[in-house]
PDB file of N, CA and C in Angstrom:
ATOM      1  N   MET A   1     -20.819   1.143  -2.841  1.00  0.00           N
ATOM      2  CA  MET A   1     -19.952   1.873  -3.533  1.00  0.00           C
ATOM      3  C   MET A   1     -19.250   2.899  -3.400  1.00  0.00           C
ATOM      4  N   ILE A   2     -18.230   3.082  -3.173  1.00  0.00           N
ATOM      5  CA  ILE A   2     -17.488   4.425  -2.985  1.00  0.00           C
ATOM      6  C   ILE A   2     -16.628   4.851  -4.334  1.00  0.00           C
ATOM      7  N   GLN A   3     -16.750   6.049  -4.603  1.00  0.00           N
ATOM      8  CA  GLN A   3     -15.604   6.762  -5.328  1.00  0.00           C
ATOM      9  C   GLN A   3     -14.399   7.207  -5.182  1.00  0.00           C
ATOM     10  N   VAL A   4     -13.074   6.499  -5.469  1.00  0.00           N
ATOM     11  CA  VAL A   4     -11.830   7.453  -5.106  1.00  0.00           C
ATOM     12  C   VAL A   4     -11.415   8.026  -6.320  1.00  0.00           C
ATOM     13  N   LEU A   5     -10.900   8.883  -5.577  1.00  0.00           N
ATOM     14  CA  LEU A   5     -10.585  10.134  -7.019  1.00  0.00           C
ATOM     15  C   LEU A   5      -9.171  10.366  -6.358  1.00  0.00           C
ATOM     16  N   TYR A   6      -8.112  10.201  -7.360  1.00  0.00           N
ATOM     17  CA  TYR A   6      -6.358  10.325  -6.985  1.00  0.00           C
ATOM     18  C   TYR A   6      -5.976  11.388  -8.180  1.00  0.00           C
ATOM     19  N   PHE A   7      -5.028  12.292  -7.022  1.00  0.00           N
ATOM     20  CA  PHE A   7      -4.504  13.088  -8.206  1.00  0.00           C
ATOM     21  C   PHE A   7      -2.711  12.844  -7.759  1.00  0.00           C
ATOM     22  N   ALA A   8      -2.409  13.868  -8.651  1.00  0.00           N
ATOM     23  CA  ALA A   8      -0.703  13.570  -9.006  1.00  0.00           C
ATOM     24  C   ALA A   8       0.318  12.596  -8.966  1.00  0.00           C
ATOM     25  N   SER A   9       0.966  12.214  -7.869  1.00  0.00           N
ATOM     26  CA  SER A   9       1.692  11.289  -7.716  1.00  0.00           C
ATOM     27  C   SER A   9       0.935  10.201  -7.129  1.00  0.00           C
ATOM     28  N   MET A  10      -0.525   9.763  -6.417  1.00  0.00           N
ATOM     29  CA  MET A  10      -1.272   9.219  -6.090  1.00  0.00           C
ATOM     30  C   MET A  10      -2.012   8.492  -7.808  1.00  0.00           C
ATOM     31  N   LYS A  11      -2.365   9.709  -8.702  1.00  0.00           N
ATOM     32  CA  LYS A  11      -2.890   9.426 -10.019  1.00  0.00           C
ATOM     33  C   LYS A  11      -1.931   8.632 -10.737  1.00  0.00           C
ATOM     34  N   GLU A  12      -0.306   9.076 -10.418  1.00  0.00           N
ATOM     35  CA  GLU A  12       0.736   7.454 -10.891  1.00  0.00           C
ATOM     36  C   GLU A  12       1.124   6.225 -10.688  1.00  0.00           C
ATOM     37  N   ALA A  13       1.051   6.477  -9.563  1.00  0.00           N
ATOM     38  CA  ALA A  13       1.133   5.309  -8.751  1.00  0.00           C
ATOM     39  C   ALA A  13       0.053   3.938  -8.859  1.00  0.00           C
ATOM     40  N   SER A  14      -0.846   4.915  -8.989  1.00  0.00           N
ATOM     41  CA  SER A  14      -2.269   3.711  -9.139  1.00  0.00           C
ATOM     42  C   SER A  14      -2.459   3.833 -10.545  1.00  0.00           C
ATOM     43  N   GLY A  15      -1.867   4.142 -11.531  1.00  0.00           N
ATOM     44  CA  GLY A  15      -2.366   4.385 -13.079  1.00  0.00           C
ATOM     45  C   GLY A  15      -4.250   4.762 -13.460  1.00  0.00           C
ATOM     46  N   LEU A  16      -4.198   5.149 -12.298  1.00  0.00           N
ATOM     47  CA  LEU A  16      -5.410   5.821 -12.498  1.00  0.00           C
ATOM     48  C   LEU A  16      -6.410   7.057 -11.865  1.00  0.00           C
ATOM     49  N   ALA A  17      -7.257   8.227 -12.802  1.00  0.00           N
ATOM     50  CA  ALA A  17      -7.550   9.214 -11.717  1.00  0.00           C
ATOM     51  C   ALA A  17      -8.659   8.739 -10.729  1.00  0.00           C
ATOM     52  N   SER A  18      -9.366   8.000 -10.843  1.00  0.00           N
ATOM     53  CA  SER A  18     -10.593   7.533 -10.194  1.00  0.00           C
ATOM     54  C   SER A  18     -10.967   5.819 -10.323  1.00  0.00           C
ATOM     55  N   GLU A  19     -11.569   5.667  -9.336  1.00  0.00           N
ATOM     56  CA  GLU A  19     -12.061   4.117  -9.535  1.00  0.00           C
ATOM     57  C   GLU A  19     -13.455   3.880  -8.598  1.00  0.00           C
ATOM     58  N   ARG A  20     -14.250   3.109  -8.721  1.00  0.00           N
ATOM     59  CA  ARG A  20     -15.428   2.830  -7.639  1.00  0.00           C
ATOM     60  C   ARG A  20     -15.044   1.337  -6.802  1.00  0.00           C
ATOM     61  N   ILE A  21     -15.001   1.481  -5.741  1.00  0.00           N
ATOM     62  CA  ILE A  21     -14.615   0.647  -4.830  1.00  0.00           C
ATOM     63  C   ILE A  21     -15.727  -0.163  -4.390  1.00  0.00           C
ATOM     64  N   LYS A  22     -15.981  -1.258  -3.863  1.00  0.00           N
ATOM     65  CA  LYS A  22     -17.078  -1.929  -3.157  1.00  0.00           C
ATOM     66  C   LYS A  22     -16.599  -1.374  -1.756  1.00  0.00           C
ATOM     67  N   TRP A  23     -17.729  -1.012  -1.001  1.00  0.00           N
ATOM     68  CA  TRP A  23     -17.670  -0.584  -0.037  1.00  0.00           C
ATOM     69  C   TRP A  23     -18.944  -1.129   0.819  1.00  0.00           C
ATOM     70  N   GLN A  24     -18.401  -1.741   2.577  1.00  0.00           N
ATOM     71  CA  GLN A  24     -19.676  -1.985   3.229  1.00  0.00           C
ATOM     72  C   GLN A  24     -19.956  -0.824   4.641  1.00  0.00           C
ATOM     73  N   GLY A  25     -18.926   0.052   4.387  1.00  0.00           N
ATOM     74  CA  GLY A  25     -18.515   1.281   6.041  1.00  0.00           C
ATOM     75  C   GLY A  25     -17.110   0.733   6.329  1.00  0.00           C
ATOM     76  N   GLY A  26     -16.999   1.194   6.945  1.00  0.00           N
ATOM     77  CA  GLY A  26     -15.903   1.878   7.520  1.00  0.00           C
ATOM     78  C   GLY A  26     -15.123   3.318   7.837  1.00  0.00           C
ATOM     79  N   THR A  27     -14.255   3.379   8.384  1.00  0.00           N
ATOM     80  CA  THR A  27     -13.421   4.578   8.516  1.00  0.00           C
ATOM     81  C   THR A  27     -12.581   4.805   7.353  1.00  0.00           C
ATOM     82  N   LEU A  28     -12.137   6.311   7.009  1.00  0.00           N
ATOM     83  CA  LEU A  28     -10.938   6.422   5.685  1.00  0.00           C
ATOM     84  C   LEU A  28      -9.669   5.249   5.878  1.00  0.00           C
ATOM     85  N   GLY A  29      -9.705   5.549   6.992  1.00  0.00           N
ATOM     86  CA  GLY A  29      -8.076   4.332   7.636  1.00  0.00           C
ATOM     87  C   GLY A  29      -8.272   3.117   6.731  1.00  0.00           C
ATOM     88  N   GLU A  30      -9.749   2.340   6.856  1.00  0.00           N
ATOM     89  CA  GLU A  30      -9.875   1.591   6.292  1.00  0.00           C
ATOM     90  C   GLU A  30     -10.189   1.709   4.528  1.00  0.00           C
ATOM     91  N   VAL A  31     -10.224   2.443   4.611  1.00  0.00           N
ATOM     92  CA  VAL A  31     -10.306   2.826   2.907  1.00  0.00           C
ATOM     93  C   VAL A  31      -9.135   2.998   2.428  1.00  0.00           C
ATOM     94  N   MET A  32      -7.832   4.031   3.102  1.00  0.00           N
ATOM     95  CA  MET A  32      -6.731   3.717   3.039  1.00  0.00           C
ATOM     96  C   MET A  32      -6.058   2.438   2.623  1.00  0.00           C
ATOM     97  N   GLU A  33      -6.500   1.412   3.469  1.00  0.00           N
ATOM     98  CA  GLU A  33      -5.641   0.256   3.643  1.00  0.00           C
ATOM     99  C   GLU A  33      -5.947  -0.594   2.293  1.00  0.00           C
ATOM    100  N   LYS A  34      -7.268  -0.540   1.921  1.00  0.00           N
ATOM    101  CA  LYS A  34      -8.203  -1.286   0.914  1.00  0.00           C
ATOM    102  C   LYS A  34      -7.297  -0.753  -0.107  1.00  0.00           C
ATOM    103  N   VAL A  35      -7.142   0.608   0.055  1.00  0.00           N
ATOM    104  CA  VAL A  35      -6.523   0.985  -1.747  1.00  0.00           C
ATOM    105  C   VAL A  35      -4.854   0.685  -1.467  1.00  0.00           C
ATOM    106  N   THR A  36      -4.370   0.651  -0.184  1.00  0.00           N
ATOM    107  CA  THR A  36      -2.475   0.273  -0.278  1.00  0.00           C
ATOM    108  C   THR A  36      -2.930  -1.485  -1.160  1.00  0.00           C
ATOM    109  N   ASP A  37      -3.909  -2.485  -0.290  1.00  0.00           N
ATOM    110  CA  ASP A  37      -3.842  -3.683  -0.906  1.00  0.00           C
ATOM    111  C   ASP A  37      -4.104  -3.486  -2.444  1.00  0.00           C
ATOM    112  N   LEU A  38      -4.789  -2.559  -3.192  1.00  0.00           N
ATOM    113  CA  LEU A  38      -5.272  -2.837  -4.559  1.00  0.00           C
ATOM    114  C   LEU A  38      -3.837  -2.259  -5.135  1.00  0.00           C
ATOM    115  N   HIS A  39      -3.228  -1.146  -4.932  1.00  0.00           N
ATOM    116  CA  HIS A  39      -2.206  -0.396  -5.495  1.00  0.00           C
ATOM    117  C   HIS A  39      -0.782  -0.194  -4.296  1.00  0.00           C
ATOM    118  N   PRO A  40      -0.239  -1.161  -3.961  1.00  0.00           N
ATOM    119  CA  PRO A  40       0.588  -1.307  -2.999  1.00  0.00           C
ATOM    120  C   PRO A  40       1.895  -0.322  -3.430  1.00  0.00           C
ATOM    121  N   SER A  41       1.902   0.245  -4.900  1.00  0.00           N
ATOM    122  CA  SER A  41       3.440   1.201  -4.780  1.00  0.00           C
ATOM    123  C   SER A  41       2.860   2.289  -4.544  1.00  0.00           C
ATOM    124  N   ILE A  42       1.833   2.265  -3.889  1.00  0.00           N
ATOM    125  CA  ILE A  42       1.262   4.387  -3.299  1.00  0.00           C
ATOM    126  C   ILE A  42       2.005   4.370  -1.769  1.00  0.00           C
ATOM    127  N   SER A  43       2.658   5.532  -2.298  1.00  0.00           N
ATOM    128  CA  SER A  43       2.897   6.194  -0.694  1.00  0.00           C
ATOM    129  C   SER A  43       2.351   7.084  -0.125  1.00  0.00           C
ATOM    130  N   TRP A  44       1.997   7.087   1.397  1.00  0.00           N
ATOM    131  CA  TRP A  44       0.892   8.250   1.744  1.00  0.00           C
ATOM    132  C   TRP A  44       2.140   9.489   2.586  1.00  0.00           C
ATOM    133  N   ASP A  45       2.628   9.793   2.027  1.00  0.00           N
ATOM    134  CA  ASP A  45       3.448  10.532   2.635  1.00  0.00           C
ATOM    135  C   ASP A  45       2.841  11.973   2.037  1.00  0.00           C
ATOM    136  N   GLY A  46       2.858  12.471   3.472  1.00  0.00           N
ATOM    137  CA  GLY A  46       1.857  13.810   2.968  1.00  0.00           C
ATOM    138  C   GLY A  46       0.657  14.269   2.643  1.00  0.00           C
ATOM    139  N   VAL A  47      -0.252  13.045   2.255  1.00  0.00           N
ATOM    140  CA  VAL A  47      -1.503  13.144   1.311  1.00  0.00           C
ATOM    141  C   VAL A  47      -2.449  13.459   2.298  1.00  0.00           C
ATOM    142  N   ARG A  48      -3.313  14.395   1.972  1.00  0.00           N
ATOM    143  CA  ARG A  48      -4.334  14.800   2.456  1.00  0.00           C
ATOM    144  C   ARG A  48      -5.547  14.203   1.857  1.00  0.00           C
ATOM    145  N   VAL A  49      -6.615  14.273   3.111  1.00  0.00           N
ATOM    146  CA  VAL A  49      -7.816  13.133   2.733  1.00  0.00           C
ATOM    147  C   VAL A  49      -9.016  14.307   2.566  1.00  0.00           C
ATOM    148  N   ALA A  50      -9.970  13.937   1.399  1.00  0.00           N
ATOM    149  CA  ALA A  50     -10.757  14.854   1.468  1.00  0.00           C
ATOM    150  C   ALA A  50     -12.262  13.543   1.807  1.00  0.00           C
ATOM    151  N   LEU A  51     -13.225  14.282   2.280  1.00  0.00           N
ATOM    152  CA  LEU A  51     -14.575  13.236   1.947  1.00  0.00           C
ATOM    153  C   LEU A  51     -15.899  13.303   1.678  1.00  0.00           C
ATOM    154  N   ASN A  52     -16.067  13.601   0.429  1.00  0.00           N
ATOM    155  CA  ASN A  52     -17.154  14.355   0.051  1.00  0.00           C
ATOM    156  C   ASN A  52     -16.911  15.990   0.098  1.00  0.00           C
ATOM    157  N   GLU A  53     -15.632  16.330  -0.636  1.00  0.00           N
ATOM    158  CA  GLU A  53     -15.120  17.791  -0.934  1.00  0.00           C
ATOM    159  C   GLU A  53     -14.620  18.387   0.329  1.00  0.00           C
ATOM    160  N   GLU A  54     -14.598  17.910   1.443  1.00  0.00           N
ATOM    161  CA  GLU A  54     -13.977  18.295   2.955  1.00  0.00           C
ATOM    162  C   GLU A  54     -12.773  17.659   3.327  1.00  0.00           C
ATOM    163  N   PHE A  55     -11.759  18.446   3.886  1.00  0.00           N
ATOM    164  CA  PHE A  55     -10.561  17.568   4.362  1.00  0.00           C
ATOM    165  C   PHE A  55     -11.168  17.287   5.771  1.00  0.00           C
ATOM    166  N   CYS A  56     -10.822  16.165   5.715  1.00  0.00           N
ATOM    167  CA  CYS A  56     -11.082  15.119   7.251  1.00  0.00           C
ATOM    168  C   CYS A  56      -9.716  13.909   7.866  1.00  0.00           C
ATOM    169  N   SER A  57     -10.075  13.883   8.669  1.00  0.00           N
ATOM    170  CA  SER A  57      -9.099  12.679   9.397  1.00  0.00           C
ATOM    171  C   SER A  57      -9.302  11.261   8.687  1.00  0.00           C
ATOM    172  N   GLY A  58      -8.405  10.577   9.379  1.00  0.00           N
ATOM    173  CA  GLY A  58      -8.935   8.928   8.793  1.00  0.00           C
ATOM    174  C   GLY A  58      -9.793   8.047   9.711  1.00  0.00           C
ATOM    175  N   THR A  59      -9.705   8.919  11.156  1.00  0.00           N
ATOM    176  CA  THR A  59     -10.987   8.327  11.843  1.00  0.00           C
ATOM    177  C   THR A  59     -12.538   8.465  11.380  1.00  0.00           C
ATOM    178  N   GLN A  60     -12.592   9.303  10.089  1.00  0.00           N
ATOM    179  CA  GLN A  60     -14.176   9.858   9.611  1.00  0.00           C
ATOM    180  C   GLN A  60     -14.702   8.217   8.847  1.00  0.00           C
ATOM    181  N   GLU A  61     -16.040   8.040   9.393  1.00  0.00           N
ATOM    182  CA  GLU A  61     -17.013   7.325   8.567  1.00  0.00           C
ATOM    183  C   GLU A  61     -16.819   6.942   7.376  1.00  0.00           C
ATOM    184  N   VAL A  62     -16.660   6.410   6.397  1.00  0.00           N
ATOM    185  CA  VAL A  62     -17.620   6.643   4.705  1.00  0.00           C
ATOM    186  C   VAL A  62     -18.478   5.426   4.882  1.00  0.00           C
ATOM    187  N   GLU A  63     -19.374   6.200   4.357  1.00  0.00           N
ATOM    188  CA  GLU A  63     -20.552   5.459   3.526  1.00  0.00           C
ATOM    189  C   GLU A  63     -20.773   4.957   2.435  1.00  0.00           C
ATOM    190  N   SER A  64     -21.333   3.850   1.705  1.00  0.00           N
ATOM    191  CA  SER A  64     -21.781   3.448   0.030  1.00  0.00           C
ATOM    192  C   SER A  64     -22.286   4.967  -0.384  1.00  0.00           C
ATOM    193  N   GLY A  65     -21.369   5.639  -1.155  1.00  0.00           N
ATOM    194  CA  GLY A  65     -22.067   6.112  -2.147  1.00  0.00           C
ATOM    195  C   GLY A  65     -21.184   8.000  -2.273  1.00  0.00           C
ATOM    196  N   ASP A  66     -20.190   7.687  -0.623  1.00  0.00           N
ATOM    197  CA  ASP A  66     -19.386   8.609  -0.430  1.00  0.00           C
ATOM    198  C   ASP A  66     -18.382   9.328  -1.745  1.00  0.00           C
ATOM    199  N   ILE A  67     -17.902  10.560  -1.945  1.00  0.00           N
ATOM    200  CA  ILE A  67     -16.557  10.148  -2.815  1.00  0.00           C
ATOM    201  C   ILE A  67     -15.349  10.566  -1.621  1.00  0.00           C
ATOM    202  N   VAL A  68     -14.151   9.543  -2.057  1.00  0.00           N
ATOM    203  CA  VAL A  68     -12.848   9.811  -1.338  1.00  0.00           C
ATOM    204  C   VAL A  68     -11.773  10.673  -2.352  1.00  0.00           C
ATOM    205  N   ALA A  69     -11.353  11.571  -1.777  1.00  0.00           N
ATOM    206  CA  ALA A  69     -10.088  12.140  -2.702  1.00  0.00           C
ATOM    207  C   ALA A  69      -8.884  11.917  -1.479  1.00  0.00           C
ATOM    208  N   PHE A  70      -7.968  11.583  -2.286  1.00  0.00           N
ATOM    209  CA  PHE A  70      -6.719  11.396  -2.151  1.00  0.00           C
ATOM    210  C   PHE A  70      -5.914  12.432  -2.700  1.00  0.00           C
ATOM    211  N   ILE A  71      -5.337  13.605  -1.938  1.00  0.00           N
ATOM    212  CA  ILE A  71      -4.537  14.649  -2.646  1.00  0.00           C
ATOM    213  C   ILE A  71      -2.872  14.908  -2.142  1.00  0.00           C
ATOM    214  N   PRO A  72      -1.775  14.117  -2.361  1.00  0.00           N
ATOM    215  CA  PRO A  72      -0.479  14.419  -2.173  1.00  0.00           C
ATOM    216  C   PRO A  72      -0.191  15.726  -2.394  1.00  0.00           C
ATOM    217  N   PRO A  73       1.073  16.065  -1.875  1.00  0.00           N
ATOM    218  CA  PRO A  73       1.779  17.526  -1.754  1.00  0.00           C
ATOM    219  C   PRO A  73       1.894  17.639  -3.294  1.00  0.00           C
ATOM    220  N   VAL A  74       1.996  18.804  -3.277  1.00  0.00           N
ATOM    221  CA  VAL A  74       2.353  19.083  -4.963  1.00  0.00           C
ATOM    222  C   VAL A  74       3.740  20.150  -5.079  1.00  0.00           C
ATOM    223  N   SER A  75       4.813  19.957  -5.684  1.00  0.00           N
ATOM    224  CA  SER A  75       5.625  20.793  -5.699  1.00  0.00           C
ATOM    225  C   SER A  75       5.961  20.916  -7.125  1.00  0.00           C
ATOM    226  N   GLY A  76       6.685  22.142  -7.303  1.00  0.00           N
ATOM    227  CA  GLY A  76       7.251  22.742  -8.444  1.00  0.00           C
ATOM    228  C   GLY A  76       8.073  23.875  -8.627  1.00  0.00           C
ATOM    229  N   GLY A  77       8.481  24.565  -9.382  1.00  0.00           N
ATOM    230  CA  GLY A  77       9.141  25.116  -9.691  1.00  0.00           C
ATOM    231  C   GLY A  77       8.849  26.376 -10.362  1.00  0.00           C
TER     232      GLY A  77
END
């Protein structure tokens, strides 16, 4: 299992602040594909990805027990 955290518009699109996903291993890109399957309304435009509290790329390996955070751009006035 991995824990996935959603922030801002990602939280609104998924309807969740976080969820646990069954995971056998793979890349962050594959996690993103899985999340898209679970929540098709999510937009990935400008989203930063963190693995275990460190920003990284989609090629990073994700293992069971890891925490993945999706952080979209924030706007305000």
